[in-house]
Amino acid sequence: MKNWLLGYLILGLVGCKAMFVGSSPVINQWKKNGIHIQGRDFRICEDRTNKSMSEREKYLKNKNYSELTPEEIDERSLSLSRLDLIYYGCAYELGYRFKPDLGWCWEGSFNMRMCDKYKKYRN
C-alpha cells in the first residue's frame, strides 16, 4: 500500500511541476544518447549562430524589446527564426535529434508550434 501511495505522490508532484513551472525549453528536447545539447557542442553551435548574425540583427537583439517599433519587432522575429534554424541545423549535424519528452508536444500548446517546426529533425 505504501508503494502505491508513494507512486501517486511522485506522479502528482511531477504533474504540478509541469503545470506551475512549465515545460522544459526546446533546447532540452534535442538529444544525443539521451543527453541534451551542452558543453563543447553547445559552444560550437552558438559560435556558428553568432558568426552568421548581421550587424542589424545584433542591433535588434541587444535593443530593449519595449523600445522596438512594430516593424523592428517583425524583423527581429524573422531574424530569430533564421538563427534558430542555423543553431538547430548545427546540432543536427553534430548528431543531436529532436526527441521531445512525452507530453511536450500536446495539441494546442505553445510547444506544438515548435514540434511542427522541428519535426524534420526527428530521425
C-alpha atoms as a PDB file:
ATOM      1  CA  MET A   1       0.000   0.000   0.000  1.00  0.00           C
ATOM      2  CA  LYS A   2       2.816   2.412   0.815  1.00  0.00           C
ATOM      3  CA  ASN A   3       4.445   1.827  -2.575  1.00  0.00           C
ATOM      4  CA  TRP A   4       1.245   2.802  -4.413  1.00  0.00           C
ATOM      5  CA  LEU A   5       0.875   5.914  -2.299  1.00  0.00           C
ATOM      6  CA  LEU A   6       4.476   6.896  -2.979  1.00  0.00           C
ATOM      7  CA  GLY A   7       3.958   6.330  -6.718  1.00  0.00           C
ATOM      8  CA  TYR A   8       0.873   8.559  -6.799  1.00  0.00           C
ATOM      9  CA  LEU A   9       2.673  11.232  -4.786  1.00  0.00           C
ATOM     10  CA  ILE A  10       5.584  11.282  -7.229  1.00  0.00           C
ATOM     11  CA  LEU A  11       3.262  11.433 -10.257  1.00  0.00           C
ATOM     12  CA  GLY A  12       1.310  14.249  -8.618  1.00  0.00           C
ATOM     13  CA  LEU A  13       4.431  16.269  -7.922  1.00  0.00           C
ATOM     14  CA  VAL A  14       5.694  15.826 -11.487  1.00  0.00           C
ATOM     15  CA  GLY A  15       2.305  16.969 -12.809  1.00  0.00           C
ATOM     16  CA  CYS A  16       2.321  20.011 -10.533  1.00  0.00           C
ATOM     17  CA  LYS A  17       5.796  20.957 -11.708  1.00  0.00           C
ATOM     18  CA  ALA A  18       4.696  20.845 -15.350  1.00  0.00           C
ATOM     19  CA  MET A  19       1.581  22.876 -14.573  1.00  0.00           C
ATOM     20  CA  PHE A  20       3.126  25.601 -12.421  1.00  0.00           C
ATOM     21  CA  VAL A  21       6.725  25.796 -13.600  1.00  0.00           C
ATOM     22  CA  GLY A  22       6.104  24.998 -17.241  1.00  0.00           C
ATOM     23  CA  SER A  23       7.668  22.599 -19.643  1.00  0.00           C
ATOM     24  CA  SER A  24      11.368  22.417 -20.277  1.00  0.00           C
ATOM     25  CA  PRO A  25      12.784  24.636 -23.048  1.00  0.00           C
ATOM     26  CA  VAL A  26      13.111  23.478 -26.638  1.00  0.00           C
ATOM     27  CA  ILE A  27      16.893  23.194 -26.356  1.00  0.00           C
ATOM     28  CA  ASN A  28      16.403  20.372 -23.822  1.00  0.00           C
ATOM     29  CA  GLN A  29      14.405  18.429 -26.411  1.00  0.00           C
ATOM     30  CA  TRP A  30      17.450  17.996 -28.668  1.00  0.00           C
ATOM     31  CA  LYS A  31      19.203  14.848 -27.519  1.00  0.00           C
ATOM     32  CA  LYS A  32      22.090  12.590 -28.423  1.00  0.00           C
ATOM     33  CA  ASN A  33      22.342   9.348 -26.446  1.00  0.00           C
ATOM     34  CA  GLY A  34      19.679  10.687 -24.063  1.00  0.00           C
ATOM     35  CA  ILE A  35      21.641  13.871 -23.217  1.00  0.00           C
ATOM     36  CA  HIS A  36      20.616  17.341 -24.382  1.00  0.00           C
ATOM     37  CA  ILE A  37      22.952  19.845 -26.036  1.00  0.00           C
ATOM     38  CA  GLN A  38      25.617  21.065 -23.648  1.00  0.00           C
ATOM     39  CA  GLY A  39      29.290  21.789 -23.251  1.00  0.00           C
ATOM     40  CA  ARG A  40      31.512  21.924 -26.297  1.00  0.00           C
ATOM     41  CA  ASP A  41      28.680  21.131 -28.730  1.00  0.00           C
ATOM     42  CA  PHE A  42      26.583  23.985 -27.333  1.00  0.00           C
ATOM     43  CA  ARG A  43      29.508  26.392 -27.809  1.00  0.00           C
ATOM     44  CA  ILE A  44      30.157  25.196 -31.385  1.00  0.00           C
ATOM     45  CA  CYS A  45      26.562  25.843 -32.443  1.00  0.00           C
ATOM     46  CA  GLU A  46      26.353  29.101 -30.505  1.00  0.00           C
ATOM     47  CA  ASP A  47      29.515  30.376 -32.216  1.00  0.00           C
ATOM     48  CA  ARG A  48      28.219  29.357 -35.645  1.00  0.00           C
ATOM     49  CA  THR A  49      24.985  31.237 -34.980  1.00  0.00           C
ATOM     50  CA  ASN A  50      26.775  34.358 -33.720  1.00  0.00           C
ATOM     51  CA  LYS A  51      29.078  34.413 -36.756  1.00  0.00           C
ATOM     52  CA  SER A  52      26.091  34.354 -39.101  1.00  0.00           C
ATOM     53  CA  MET A  53      24.444  37.383 -37.454  1.00  0.00           C
ATOM     54  CA  SER A  54      24.487  40.642 -39.381  1.00  0.00           C
ATOM     55  CA  GLU A  55      25.148  43.966 -37.673  1.00  0.00           C
ATOM     56  CA  ARG A  56      21.438  44.785 -37.945  1.00  0.00           C
ATOM     57  CA  GLU A  57      20.493  41.510 -36.237  1.00  0.00           C
ATOM     58  CA  LYS A  58      22.970  42.189 -33.435  1.00  0.00           C
ATOM     59  CA  TYR A  59      21.491  45.649 -33.008  1.00  0.00           C
ATOM     60  CA  LEU A  60      17.939  44.288 -32.799  1.00  0.00           C
ATOM     61  CA  LYS A  61      18.964  41.533 -30.395  1.00  0.00           C
ATOM     62  CA  ASN A  62      20.636  43.976 -27.997  1.00  0.00           C
ATOM     63  CA  LYS A  63      17.929  46.644 -28.108  1.00  0.00           C
ATOM     64  CA  ASN A  64      15.256  46.583 -25.380  1.00  0.00           C
ATOM     65  CA  TYR A  65      12.129  44.891 -26.669  1.00  0.00           C
ATOM     66  CA  SER A  66       9.940  47.699 -25.330  1.00  0.00           C
ATOM     67  CA  GLU A  67      11.866  50.221 -27.438  1.00  0.00           C
ATOM     68  CA  LEU A  68      11.367  48.366 -30.737  1.00  0.00           C
ATOM     69  CA  THR A  69       8.964  49.658 -33.360  1.00  0.00           C
ATOM     70  CA  PRO A  70       6.380  47.225 -34.793  1.00  0.00           C
ATOM     71  CA  GLU A  71       8.487  46.889 -37.953  1.00  0.00           C
ATOM     72  CA  GLU A  72      11.592  46.110 -35.904  1.00  0.00           C
ATOM     73  CA  ILE A  73       9.653  43.516 -33.892  1.00  0.00           C
ATOM     74  CA  ASP A  74       8.686  41.734 -37.117  1.00  0.00           C
ATOM     75  CA  GLU A  75      12.255  41.985 -38.392  1.00  0.00           C
ATOM     76  CA  ARG A  76      13.615  40.618 -35.106  1.00  0.00           C
ATOM     77  CA  SER A  77      11.145  37.731 -35.162  1.00  0.00           C
ATOM     78  CA  LEU A  78      12.223  36.714 -38.668  1.00  0.00           C
ATOM     79  CA  SER A  79      15.856  37.033 -37.653  1.00  0.00           C
ATOM     80  CA  LEU A  80      15.379  34.810 -34.592  1.00  0.00           C
ATOM     81  CA  SER A  81      13.631  32.161 -36.702  1.00  0.00           C
ATOM     82  CA  ARG A  82      16.537  32.165 -39.163  1.00  0.00           C
ATOM     83  CA  LEU A  83      19.120  31.950 -36.365  1.00  0.00           C
ATOM     84  CA  ASP A  84      17.200  29.108 -34.688  1.00  0.00           C
ATOM     85  CA  LEU A  85      17.358  27.114 -37.904  1.00  0.00           C
ATOM     86  CA  ILE A  86      21.119  27.700 -38.104  1.00  0.00           C
ATOM     87  CA  TYR A  87      21.615  26.651 -34.466  1.00  0.00           C
ATOM     88  CA  TYR A  88      19.484  23.509 -34.648  1.00  0.00           C
ATOM     89  CA  GLY A  89      20.870  22.631 -38.074  1.00  0.00           C
ATOM     90  CA  CYS A  90      24.296  22.658 -36.437  1.00  0.00           C
ATOM     91  CA  ALA A  91      23.015  20.460 -33.605  1.00  0.00           C
ATOM     92  CA  TYR A  92      21.613  18.025 -36.172  1.00  0.00           C
ATOM     93  CA  GLU A  93      24.996  17.877 -37.931  1.00  0.00           C
ATOM     94  CA  LEU A  94      26.628  17.049 -34.580  1.00  0.00           C
ATOM     95  CA  GLY A  95      24.311  14.062 -34.130  1.00  0.00           C
ATOM     96  CA  TYR A  96      21.564  15.561 -31.982  1.00  0.00           C
ATOM     97  CA  ARG A  97      17.962  14.775 -32.841  1.00  0.00           C
ATOM     98  CA  PHE A  98      14.727  16.469 -31.876  1.00  0.00           C
ATOM     99  CA  LYS A  99      13.235  13.965 -29.442  1.00  0.00           C
ATOM    100  CA  PRO A 100      10.682  15.780 -27.288  1.00  0.00           C
ATOM    101  CA  ASP A 101       9.758  14.435 -23.873  1.00  0.00           C
ATOM    102  CA  LEU A 102       6.486  12.579 -23.520  1.00  0.00           C
ATOM    103  CA  GLY A 103       3.671  15.124 -23.478  1.00  0.00           C
ATOM    104  CA  TRP A 104       5.859  18.044 -24.559  1.00  0.00           C
ATOM    105  CA  CYS A 105       4.056  18.342 -27.909  1.00  0.00           C
ATOM    106  CA  TRP A 106       0.459  18.332 -26.623  1.00  0.00           C
ATOM    107  CA  GLU A 107      -2.169  19.597 -29.020  1.00  0.00           C
ATOM    108  CA  GLY A 108      -2.958  23.271 -28.505  1.00  0.00           C
ATOM    109  CA  SER A 109       0.170  24.086 -26.521  1.00  0.00           C
ATOM    110  CA  PHE A 110       2.813  26.637 -27.459  1.00  0.00           C
ATOM    111  CA  ASN A 111       5.211  23.725 -27.847  1.00  0.00           C
ATOM    112  CA  MET A 112       3.063  22.299 -30.640  1.00  0.00           C
ATOM    113  CA  ARG A 113       4.377  25.000 -32.995  1.00  0.00           C
ATOM    114  CA  MET A 114       7.952  24.058 -32.092  1.00  0.00           C
ATOM    115  CA  CYS A 115       7.189  20.388 -32.709  1.00  0.00           C
ATOM    116  CA  ASP A 116       5.852  21.204 -36.179  1.00  0.00           C
ATOM    117  CA  LYS A 117       8.856  23.408 -36.915  1.00  0.00           C
ATOM    118  CA  TYR A 118      11.480  20.823 -35.935  1.00  0.00           C
ATOM    119  CA  LYS A 119       9.749  17.550 -36.882  1.00  0.00           C
ATOM    120  CA  LYS A 120      12.099  17.157 -39.856  1.00  0.00           C
ATOM    121  CA  TYR A 121      14.987  16.730 -37.359  1.00  0.00           C
ATOM    122  CA  ARG A 122      13.454  13.748 -35.530  1.00  0.00           C
ATOM    123  CA  ASN A 123      15.165  10.836 -37.278  1.00  0.00           C
END
